[in-house]
Amino acid sequence: FWVCYLLTVLCCHNTPYIRIIHELGGQKLETKLKFLSSMEWS
């Protein structure tokens, strides 16, 4: 959860970082984020 928050901090209004994360993570990252997004963030 904290990794997701830190990545949000790094990617917010930072297009080069968004591109890096997208290219490095790919489909595997998308799958993992979908799983984490389905969890309880209470």
All heavy atoms as atom14 arrays in JSON, in Angstrom:
{
  "sequence": "FWVCYLLTVLCCHNTPYIRIIHELGGQKLETKLKFLSSMEWS",
  "atom14_mask": [
    [1, 1, 1, 1, 1, 1, 1, 1, 1, 1, 1, 0, 0, 0],
    [1, 1, 1, 1, 1, 1, 1, 1, 1, 1, 1, 1, 1, 1],
    [1, 1, 1, 1, 1, 1, 1, 0, 0, 0, 0, 0, 0, 0],
    [1, 1, 1, 1, 1, 1, 0, 0, 0, 0, 0, 0, 0, 0],
    [1, 1, 1, 1, 1, 1, 1, 1, 1, 1, 1, 1, 0, 0],
    [1, 1, 1, 1, 1, 1, 1, 1, 0, 0, 0, 0, 0, 0],
    [1, 1, 1, 1, 1, 1, 1, 1, 0, 0, 0, 0, 0, 0],
    [1, 1, 1, 1, 1, 1, 1, 0, 0, 0, 0, 0, 0, 0],
    [1, 1, 1, 1, 1, 1, 1, 0, 0, 0, 0, 0, 0, 0],
    [1, 1, 1, 1, 1, 1, 1, 1, 0, 0, 0, 0, 0, 0],
    [1, 1, 1, 1, 1, 1, 0, 0, 0, 0, 0, 0, 0, 0],
    [1, 1, 1, 1, 1, 1, 0, 0, 0, 0, 0, 0, 0, 0],
    [1, 1, 1, 1, 1, 1, 1, 1, 1, 1, 0, 0, 0, 0],
    [1, 1, 1, 1, 1, 1, 1, 1, 0, 0, 0, 0, 0, 0],
    [1, 1, 1, 1, 1, 1, 1, 0, 0, 0, 0, 0, 0, 0],
    [1, 1, 1, 1, 1, 1, 1, 0, 0, 0, 0, 0, 0, 0],
    [1, 1, 1, 1, 1, 1, 1, 1, 1, 1, 1, 1, 0, 0],
    [1, 1, 1, 1, 1, 1, 1, 1, 0, 0, 0, 0, 0, 0],
    [1, 1, 1, 1, 1, 1, 1, 1, 1, 1, 1, 0, 0, 0],
    [1, 1, 1, 1, 1, 1, 1, 1, 0, 0, 0, 0, 0, 0],
    [1, 1, 1, 1, 1, 1, 1, 1, 0, 0, 0, 0, 0, 0],
    [1, 1, 1, 1, 1, 1, 1, 1, 1, 1, 0, 0, 0, 0],
    [1, 1, 1, 1, 1, 1, 1, 1, 1, 0, 0, 0, 0, 0],
    [1, 1, 1, 1, 1, 1, 1, 1, 0, 0, 0, 0, 0, 0],
    [1, 1, 1, 1, 0, 0, 0, 0, 0, 0, 0, 0, 0, 0],
    [1, 1, 1, 1, 0, 0, 0, 0, 0, 0, 0, 0, 0, 0],
    [1, 1, 1, 1, 1, 1, 1, 1, 1, 0, 0, 0, 0, 0],
    [1, 1, 1, 1, 1, 1, 1, 1, 1, 0, 0, 0, 0, 0],
    [1, 1, 1, 1, 1, 1, 1, 1, 0, 0, 0, 0, 0, 0],
    [1, 1, 1, 1, 1, 1, 1, 1, 1, 0, 0, 0, 0, 0],
    [1, 1, 1, 1, 1, 1, 1, 0, 0, 0, 0, 0, 0, 0],
    [1, 1, 1, 1, 1, 1, 1, 1, 1, 0, 0, 0, 0, 0],
    [1, 1, 1, 1, 1, 1, 1, 1, 0, 0, 0, 0, 0, 0],
    [1, 1, 1, 1, 1, 1, 1, 1, 1, 0, 0, 0, 0, 0],
    [1, 1, 1, 1, 1, 1, 1, 1, 1, 1, 1, 0, 0, 0],
    [1, 1, 1, 1, 1, 1, 1, 1, 0, 0, 0, 0, 0, 0],
    [1, 1, 1, 1, 1, 1, 0, 0, 0, 0, 0, 0, 0, 0],
    [1, 1, 1, 1, 1, 1, 0, 0, 0, 0, 0, 0, 0, 0],
    [1, 1, 1, 1, 1, 1, 1, 1, 0, 0, 0, 0, 0, 0],
    [1, 1, 1, 1, 1, 1, 1, 1, 1, 0, 0, 0, 0, 0],
    [1, 1, 1, 1, 1, 1, 1, 1, 1, 1, 1, 1, 1, 1],
    [1, 1, 1, 1, 1, 1, 0, 0, 0, 0, 0, 0, 0, 0]
  ],
  "atom14_positions": [
    [[0.84, -1.2, 0.0], [0.0, 0.0, 0.0], [0.88, 1.26, 0.0], [0.61, 2.23, -0.72], [-0.92, 0.0, 1.21], [-2.14, -0.88, 1.07], [-2.28, -1.76, 0.01], [-3.16, -0.83, 2.01], [-3.4, -2.58, -0.12], [-4.3, -1.63, 1.89], [-4.41, -2.5, 0.82], [0.0, 0.0, 0.0], [0.0, 0.0, 0.0], [0.0, 0.0, 0.0]],
    [[1.94, 1.23, 0.82], [2.84, 2.39, 0.88], [3.62, 2.53, -0.42], [3.92, 3.65, -0.85], [3.78, 2.29, 2.08], [3.12, 2.8, 3.32], [2.66, 2.08, 4.38], [2.81, 4.17, 3.61], [2.08, 2.91, 5.31], [2.16, 4.2, 4.86], [3.01, 5.37, 2.94], [1.72, 5.39, 5.45], [2.57, 6.56, 3.51], [1.93, 6.56, 4.76]],
    [[3.96, 1.43, -1.06], [4.61, 1.5, -2.37], [3.68, 2.18, -3.37], [4.11, 3.04, -4.16], [5.02, 0.1, -2.86], [5.45, 0.15, -4.33], [6.15, -0.46, -2.02], [0.0, 0.0, 0.0], [0.0, 0.0, 0.0], [0.0, 0.0, 0.0], [0.0, 0.0, 0.0], [0.0, 0.0, 0.0], [0.0, 0.0, 0.0], [0.0, 0.0, 0.0]],
    [[2.42, 1.81, -3.35], [1.44, 2.45, -4.25], [1.36, 3.94, -3.99], [1.31, 4.75, -4.94], [0.05, 1.82, -4.06], [-0.11, 0.15, -4.74], [0.0, 0.0, 0.0], [0.0, 0.0, 0.0], [0.0, 0.0, 0.0], [0.0, 0.0, 0.0], [0.0, 0.0, 0.0], [0.0, 0.0, 0.0], [0.0, 0.0, 0.0], [0.0, 0.0, 0.0]],
    [[1.35, 4.33, -2.73], [1.27, 5.76, -2.41], [2.53, 6.48, -2.88], [2.45, 7.56, -3.49], [1.08, 5.96, -0.91], [1.09, 7.43, -0.53], [0.08, 8.29, -0.97], [2.12, 7.96, 0.25], [0.1, 9.64, -0.64], [2.14, 9.31, 0.57], [1.13, 10.14, 0.13], [1.16, 11.48, 0.44], [0.0, 0.0, 0.0], [0.0, 0.0, 0.0]],
    [[3.71, 5.9, -2.63], [4.96, 6.52, -3.06], [5.01, 6.64, -4.58], [5.43, 7.68, -5.12], [6.16, 5.73, -2.54], [7.55, 6.23, -2.96], [7.75, 7.7, -2.64], [8.64, 5.39, -2.29], [0.0, 0.0, 0.0], [0.0, 0.0, 0.0], [0.0, 0.0, 0.0], [0.0, 0.0, 0.0], [0.0, 0.0, 0.0], [0.0, 0.0, 0.0]],
    [[4.58, 5.61, -5.28], [4.55, 5.67, -6.75], [3.6, 6.76, -7.23], [3.86, 7.43, -8.23], [4.15, 4.32, -7.33], [5.22, 3.23, -7.3], [4.64, 1.89, -7.72], [6.4, 3.6, -8.21], [0.0, 0.0, 0.0], [0.0, 0.0, 0.0], [0.0, 0.0, 0.0], [0.0, 0.0, 0.0], [0.0, 0.0, 0.0], [0.0, 0.0, 0.0]],
    [[2.5, 6.96, -6.5], [1.57, 8.03, -6.85], [2.24, 9.39, -6.67], [2.1, 10.28, -7.52], [0.31, 7.95, -5.97], [-0.3, 6.67, -6.12], [-0.71, 9.02, -6.38], [0.0, 0.0, 0.0], [0.0, 0.0, 0.0], [0.0, 0.0, 0.0], [0.0, 0.0, 0.0], [0.0, 0.0, 0.0], [0.0, 0.0, 0.0], [0.0, 0.0, 0.0]],
    [[2.98, 9.55, -5.57], [3.73, 10.79, -5.33], [4.71, 11.04, -6.48], [4.84, 12.16, -6.99], [4.49, 10.72, -3.99], [5.49, 11.87, -3.85], [3.51, 10.76, -2.82], [0.0, 0.0, 0.0], [0.0, 0.0, 0.0], [0.0, 0.0, 0.0], [0.0, 0.0, 0.0], [0.0, 0.0, 0.0], [0.0, 0.0, 0.0], [0.0, 0.0, 0.0]],
    [[5.41, 9.99, -6.91], [6.43, 10.12, -7.94], [5.84, 10.39, -9.33], [6.44, 11.09, -10.14], [7.29, 8.85, -7.99], [8.13, 8.56, -6.74], [8.77, 7.18, -6.85], [9.19, 9.63, -6.53], [0.0, 0.0, 0.0], [0.0, 0.0, 0.0], [0.0, 0.0, 0.0], [0.0, 0.0, 0.0], [0.0, 0.0, 0.0], [0.0, 0.0, 0.0]],
    [[4.66, 9.83, -9.58], [4.06, 9.93, -10.91], [3.17, 11.16, -11.09], [2.89, 11.55, -12.23], [3.24, 8.67, -11.22], [4.23, 7.19, -11.49], [0.0, 0.0, 0.0], [0.0, 0.0, 0.0], [0.0, 0.0, 0.0], [0.0, 0.0, 0.0], [0.0, 0.0, 0.0], [0.0, 0.0, 0.0], [0.0, 0.0, 0.0], [0.0, 0.0, 0.0]],
    [[2.72, 11.75, -10.0], [1.78, 12.87, -10.09], [2.45, 14.06, -10.78], [3.41, 14.64, -10.28], [1.3, 13.25, -8.7], [-0.03, 14.47, -8.72], [0.0, 0.0, 0.0], [0.0, 0.0, 0.0], [0.0, 0.0, 0.0], [0.0, 0.0, 0.0], [0.0, 0.0, 0.0], [0.0, 0.0, 0.0], [0.0, 0.0, 0.0], [0.0, 0.0, 0.0]],
    [[1.94, 14.41, -11.96], [2.47, 15.54, -12.76], [3.93, 15.33, -13.16], [4.67, 16.3, -13.35], [2.32, 16.87, -12.0], [0.9, 17.28, -11.8], [0.54, 18.52, -11.36], [-0.27, 16.61, -11.98], [-0.77, 18.61, -11.28], [-1.28, 17.46, -11.65], [0.0, 0.0, 0.0], [0.0, 0.0, 0.0], [0.0, 0.0, 0.0], [0.0, 0.0, 0.0]],
    [[4.36, 14.07, -13.26], [5.73, 13.77, -13.65], [5.69, 12.74, -14.78], [5.82, 11.53, -14.55], [6.53, 13.24, -12.45], [8.02, 13.18, -12.71], [8.45, 12.95, -13.83], [8.81, 13.38, -11.67], [0.0, 0.0, 0.0], [0.0, 0.0, 0.0], [0.0, 0.0, 0.0], [0.0, 0.0, 0.0], [0.0, 0.0, 0.0], [0.0, 0.0, 0.0]],
    [[5.49, 13.23, -15.99], [5.31, 12.35, -17.15], [6.48, 11.4, -17.38], [6.25, 10.21, -17.66], [5.06, 13.19, -18.41], [3.93, 14.05, -18.19], [4.78, 12.29, -19.61], [0.0, 0.0, 0.0], [0.0, 0.0, 0.0], [0.0, 0.0, 0.0], [0.0, 0.0, 0.0], [0.0, 0.0, 0.0], [0.0, 0.0, 0.0], [0.0, 0.0, 0.0]],
    [[7.74, 11.86, -17.26], [8.85, 10.9, -17.46], [8.8, 9.72, -16.5], [9.1, 8.59, -16.88], [10.1, 11.78, -17.2], [9.66, 13.15, -17.55], [8.24, 13.24, -17.09], [0.0, 0.0, 0.0], [0.0, 0.0, 0.0], [0.0, 0.0, 0.0], [0.0, 0.0, 0.0], [0.0, 0.0, 0.0], [0.0, 0.0, 0.0], [0.0, 0.0, 0.0]],
    [[8.4, 9.97, -15.24], [8.33, 8.87, -14.28], [7.17, 7.94, -14.62], [7.28, 6.72, -14.48], [8.17, 9.41, -12.85], [9.03, 8.67, -11.86], [10.15, 9.26, -11.28], [8.76, 7.35, -11.53], [10.96, 8.57, -10.4], [9.57, 6.66, -10.65], [10.66, 7.27, -10.1], [11.47, 6.57, -9.23], [0.0, 0.0, 0.0], [0.0, 0.0, 0.0]],
    [[6.06, 8.5, -15.06], [4.93, 7.67, -15.48], [5.37, 6.72, -16.6], [5.06, 5.53, -16.59], [3.76, 8.55, -15.96], [3.15, 9.31, -14.77], [2.69, 7.7, -16.66], [2.07, 10.3, -15.17], [0.0, 0.0, 0.0], [0.0, 0.0, 0.0], [0.0, 0.0, 0.0], [0.0, 0.0, 0.0], [0.0, 0.0, 0.0], [0.0, 0.0, 0.0]],
    [[6.13, 7.26, -17.56], [6.58, 6.45, -18.69], [7.51, 5.33, -18.21], [7.38, 4.17, -18.65], [7.32, 7.34, -19.69], [7.69, 6.64, -20.98], [8.38, 7.59, -21.96], [7.48, 8.68, -22.34], [7.68, 9.96, -22.0], [8.73, 10.3, -21.27], [6.83, 10.88, -22.39], [0.0, 0.0, 0.0], [0.0, 0.0, 0.0], [0.0, 0.0, 0.0]],
    [[8.41, 5.65, -17.28], [9.35, 4.65, -16.77], [8.61, 3.52, -16.06], [8.87, 2.33, -16.3], [10.37, 5.31, -15.81], [11.36, 6.16, -16.59], [11.11, 4.25, -15.0], [12.26, 6.99, -15.71], [0.0, 0.0, 0.0], [0.0, 0.0, 0.0], [0.0, 0.0, 0.0], [0.0, 0.0, 0.0], [0.0, 0.0, 0.0], [0.0, 0.0, 0.0]],
    [[7.68, 3.89, -15.17], [6.94, 2.88, -14.41], [6.11, 2.01, -15.35], [6.04, 0.78, -15.19], [6.04, 3.55, -13.35], [6.88, 4.33, -12.33], [5.2, 2.51, -12.63], [7.86, 3.5, -11.54], [0.0, 0.0, 0.0], [0.0, 0.0, 0.0], [0.0, 0.0, 0.0], [0.0, 0.0, 0.0], [0.0, 0.0, 0.0], [0.0, 0.0, 0.0]],
    [[5.47, 2.65, -16.32], [4.63, 1.91, -17.26], [5.47, 0.91, -18.05], [5.07, -0.26, -18.22], [3.94, 2.89, -18.21], [2.82, 2.29, -18.99], [3.03, 1.45, -20.06], [1.47, 2.4, -18.86], [1.87, 1.07, -20.56], [0.9, 1.64, -19.85], [0.0, 0.0, 0.0], [0.0, 0.0, 0.0], [0.0, 0.0, 0.0], [0.0, 0.0, 0.0]],
    [[6.63, 1.35, -18.53], [7.47, 0.48, -19.35], [8.09, -0.64, -18.53], [8.19, -1.79, -18.99], [8.56, 1.32, -20.03], [8.02, 2.26, -21.1], [9.11, 3.15, -21.7], [10.26, 3.09, -21.21], [8.79, 3.9, -22.64], [0.0, 0.0, 0.0], [0.0, 0.0, 0.0], [0.0, 0.0, 0.0], [0.0, 0.0, 0.0], [0.0, 0.0, 0.0]],
    [[8.52, -0.33, -17.31], [9.13, -1.35, -16.46], [8.12, -2.37, -15.97], [8.4, -3.56, -15.89], [9.81, -0.7, -15.25], [11.12, 0.05, -15.48], [11.57, 0.73, -14.19], [12.21, -0.9, -15.97], [0.0, 0.0, 0.0], [0.0, 0.0, 0.0], [0.0, 0.0, 0.0], [0.0, 0.0, 0.0], [0.0, 0.0, 0.0], [0.0, 0.0, 0.0]],
    [[6.93, -1.88, -15.62], [5.93, -2.75, -14.99], [5.15, -3.6, -15.97], [4.97, -4.8, -15.77], [0.0, 0.0, 0.0], [0.0, 0.0, 0.0], [0.0, 0.0, 0.0], [0.0, 0.0, 0.0], [0.0, 0.0, 0.0], [0.0, 0.0, 0.0], [0.0, 0.0, 0.0], [0.0, 0.0, 0.0], [0.0, 0.0, 0.0], [0.0, 0.0, 0.0]],
    [[4.66, -2.97, -17.04], [3.92, -3.67, -18.06], [2.69, -4.4, -17.54], [2.04, -3.99, -16.56], [0.0, 0.0, 0.0], [0.0, 0.0, 0.0], [0.0, 0.0, 0.0], [0.0, 0.0, 0.0], [0.0, 0.0, 0.0], [0.0, 0.0, 0.0], [0.0, 0.0, 0.0], [0.0, 0.0, 0.0], [0.0, 0.0, 0.0], [0.0, 0.0, 0.0]],
    [[2.38, -5.51, -18.18], [1.19, -6.29, -17.84], [1.23, -6.83, -16.42], [0.21, -6.89, -15.73], [1.04, -7.46, -18.83], [-0.2, -8.31, -18.6], [-1.48, -7.54, -18.8], [-1.61, -6.81, -19.79], [-2.42, -7.66, -17.87], [0.0, 0.0, 0.0], [0.0, 0.0, 0.0], [0.0, 0.0, 0.0], [0.0, 0.0, 0.0], [0.0, 0.0, 0.0]],
    [[2.42, -7.2, -15.96], [2.55, -7.75, -14.62], [2.16, -6.71, -13.56], [1.47, -7.03, -12.59], [3.99, -8.21, -14.38], [4.19, -8.99, -13.09], [5.61, -9.53, -13.0], [5.8, -10.37, -11.75], [7.19, -10.91, -11.65], [0.0, 0.0, 0.0], [0.0, 0.0, 0.0], [0.0, 0.0, 0.0], [0.0, 0.0, 0.0], [0.0, 0.0, 0.0]],
    [[2.58, -5.46, -13.79], [2.21, -4.39, -12.86], [0.72, -4.12, -12.9], [0.08, -3.95, -11.87], [2.99, -3.12, -13.2], [2.6, -1.87, -12.41], [2.83, -2.08, -10.92], [3.38, -0.66, -12.92], [0.0, 0.0, 0.0], [0.0, 0.0, 0.0], [0.0, 0.0, 0.0], [0.0, 0.0, 0.0], [0.0, 0.0, 0.0], [0.0, 0.0, 0.0]],
    [[0.16, -4.09, -14.09], [-1.28, -3.85, -14.22], [-2.07, -4.91, -13.46], [-3.01, -4.58, -12.72], [-1.68, -3.86, -15.7], [-3.17, -3.6, -15.91], [-3.56, -3.62, -17.38], [-2.68, -3.86, -18.23], [-4.75, -3.39, -17.68], [0.0, 0.0, 0.0], [0.0, 0.0, 0.0], [0.0, 0.0, 0.0], [0.0, 0.0, 0.0], [0.0, 0.0, 0.0]],
    [[-1.68, -6.16, -13.61], [-2.37, -7.25, -12.91], [-2.26, -7.08, -11.4], [-3.23, -7.27, -10.67], [-1.77, -8.61, -13.33], [-1.9, -8.76, -14.74], [-2.47, -9.75, -12.61], [0.0, 0.0, 0.0], [0.0, 0.0, 0.0], [0.0, 0.0, 0.0], [0.0, 0.0, 0.0], [0.0, 0.0, 0.0], [0.0, 0.0, 0.0], [0.0, 0.0, 0.0]],
    [[-1.07, -6.71, -10.93], [-0.86, -6.56, -9.49], [-1.66, -5.39, -8.95], [-2.26, -5.48, -7.86], [0.64, -6.34, -9.2], [0.98, -6.46, -7.73], [0.68, -7.86, -7.23], [0.88, -8.0, -5.74], [0.59, -9.35, -5.26], [0.0, 0.0, 0.0], [0.0, 0.0, 0.0], [0.0, 0.0, 0.0], [0.0, 0.0, 0.0], [0.0, 0.0, 0.0]],
    [[-1.7, -4.29, -9.68], [-2.45, -3.12, -9.22], [-3.96, -3.4, -9.19], [-4.66, -2.93, -8.3], [-2.16, -1.92, -10.12], [-0.77, -1.3, -9.99], [-0.58, -0.18, -11.0], [-0.53, -0.78, -8.57], [0.0, 0.0, 0.0], [0.0, 0.0, 0.0], [0.0, 0.0, 0.0], [0.0, 0.0, 0.0], [0.0, 0.0, 0.0], [0.0, 0.0, 0.0]],
    [[-4.44, -4.17, -10.15], [-5.86, -4.54, -10.15], [-6.18, -5.35, -8.89], [-7.22, -5.15, -8.26], [-6.2, -5.34, -11.4], [-6.28, -4.51, -12.66], [-6.61, -5.41, -13.85], [-6.68, -4.61, -15.14], [-6.94, -5.47, -16.31], [0.0, 0.0, 0.0], [0.0, 0.0, 0.0], [0.0, 0.0, 0.0], [0.0, 0.0, 0.0], [0.0, 0.0, 0.0]],
    [[-5.27, -6.26, -8.55], [-5.49, -7.07, -7.35], [-5.47, -6.2, -6.1], [-6.35, -6.31, -5.24], [-4.4, -8.14, -7.25], [-4.43, -8.92, -5.96], [-5.43, -9.86, -5.72], [-3.47, -8.7, -4.98], [-5.46, -10.57, -4.52], [-3.51, -9.4, -3.78], [-4.5, -10.33, -3.55], [0.0, 0.0, 0.0], [0.0, 0.0, 0.0], [0.0, 0.0, 0.0]],
    [[-4.48, -5.31, -5.99], [-4.39, -4.44, -4.82], [-5.56, -3.46, -4.75], [-6.04, -3.13, -3.65], [-3.07, -3.67, -4.84], [-1.8, -4.5, -4.59], [-0.56, -3.66, -4.85], [-1.78, -5.04, -3.16], [0.0, 0.0, 0.0], [0.0, 0.0, 0.0], [0.0, 0.0, 0.0], [0.0, 0.0, 0.0], [0.0, 0.0, 0.0], [0.0, 0.0, 0.0]],
    [[-6.04, -3.02, -5.89], [-7.17, -2.07, -5.9], [-8.46, -2.73, -5.42], [-9.38, -2.05, -4.97], [-7.37, -1.49, -7.3], [-7.83, -2.47, -8.2], [0.0, 0.0, 0.0], [0.0, 0.0, 0.0], [0.0, 0.0, 0.0], [0.0, 0.0, 0.0], [0.0, 0.0, 0.0], [0.0, 0.0, 0.0], [0.0, 0.0, 0.0], [0.0, 0.0, 0.0]],
    [[-8.52, -4.06, -5.51], [-9.72, -4.79, -5.07], [-9.72, -5.03, -3.56], [-10.71, -5.5, -3.01], [-9.82, -6.13, -5.81], [-8.78, -7.02, -5.38], [0.0, 0.0, 0.0], [0.0, 0.0, 0.0], [0.0, 0.0, 0.0], [0.0, 0.0, 0.0], [0.0, 0.0, 0.0], [0.0, 0.0, 0.0], [0.0, 0.0, 0.0], [0.0, 0.0, 0.0]],
    [[-8.61, -4.7, -2.9], [-8.5, -4.93, -1.46], [-9.11, -3.77, -0.68], [-9.43, -2.72, -1.24], [-7.03, -5.13, -1.07], [-6.37, -6.31, -1.77], [-4.67, -6.59, -1.26], [-4.93, -7.29, 0.38], [0.0, 0.0, 0.0], [0.0, 0.0, 0.0], [0.0, 0.0, 0.0], [0.0, 0.0, 0.0], [0.0, 0.0, 0.0], [0.0, 0.0, 0.0]],
    [[-9.26, -3.97, 0.61], [-9.87, -2.96, 1.48], [-8.83, -1.92, 1.87], [-7.82, -2.24, 2.5], [-10.44, -3.64, 2.74], [-11.06, -2.68, 3.73], [-12.22, -1.9, 3.13], [-13.15, -2.53, 2.61], [-12.16, -0.65, 3.19], [0.0, 0.0, 0.0], [0.0, 0.0, 0.0], [0.0, 0.0, 0.0], [0.0, 0.0, 0.0], [0.0, 0.0, 0.0]],
    [[-9.06, -0.67, 1.49], [-8.17, 0.44, 1.82], [-8.76, 1.3, 2.93], [-8.62, 2.52, 2.95], [-7.9, 1.29, 0.58], [-6.96, 0.66, -0.41], [-7.19, -0.43, -1.19], [-5.61, 1.09, -0.7], [-6.09, -0.72, -1.96], [-5.1, 0.2, -1.68], [-4.8, 2.12, -0.23], [-3.82, 0.32, -2.21], [-3.52, 2.25, -0.75], [-3.04, 1.35, -1.72]],
    [[-9.41, 0.66, 3.84], [-10.08, 1.37, 4.93], [-9.09, 2.23, 5.71], [-8.01, 1.78, 6.1], [-10.74, 0.36, 5.88], [-11.34, 1.02, 6.96], [0.0, 0.0, 0.0], [0.0, 0.0, 0.0], [0.0, 0.0, 0.0], [0.0, 0.0, 0.0], [0.0, 0.0, 0.0], [0.0, 0.0, 0.0], [0.0, 0.0, 0.0], [0.0, 0.0, 0.0]]
  ]
}
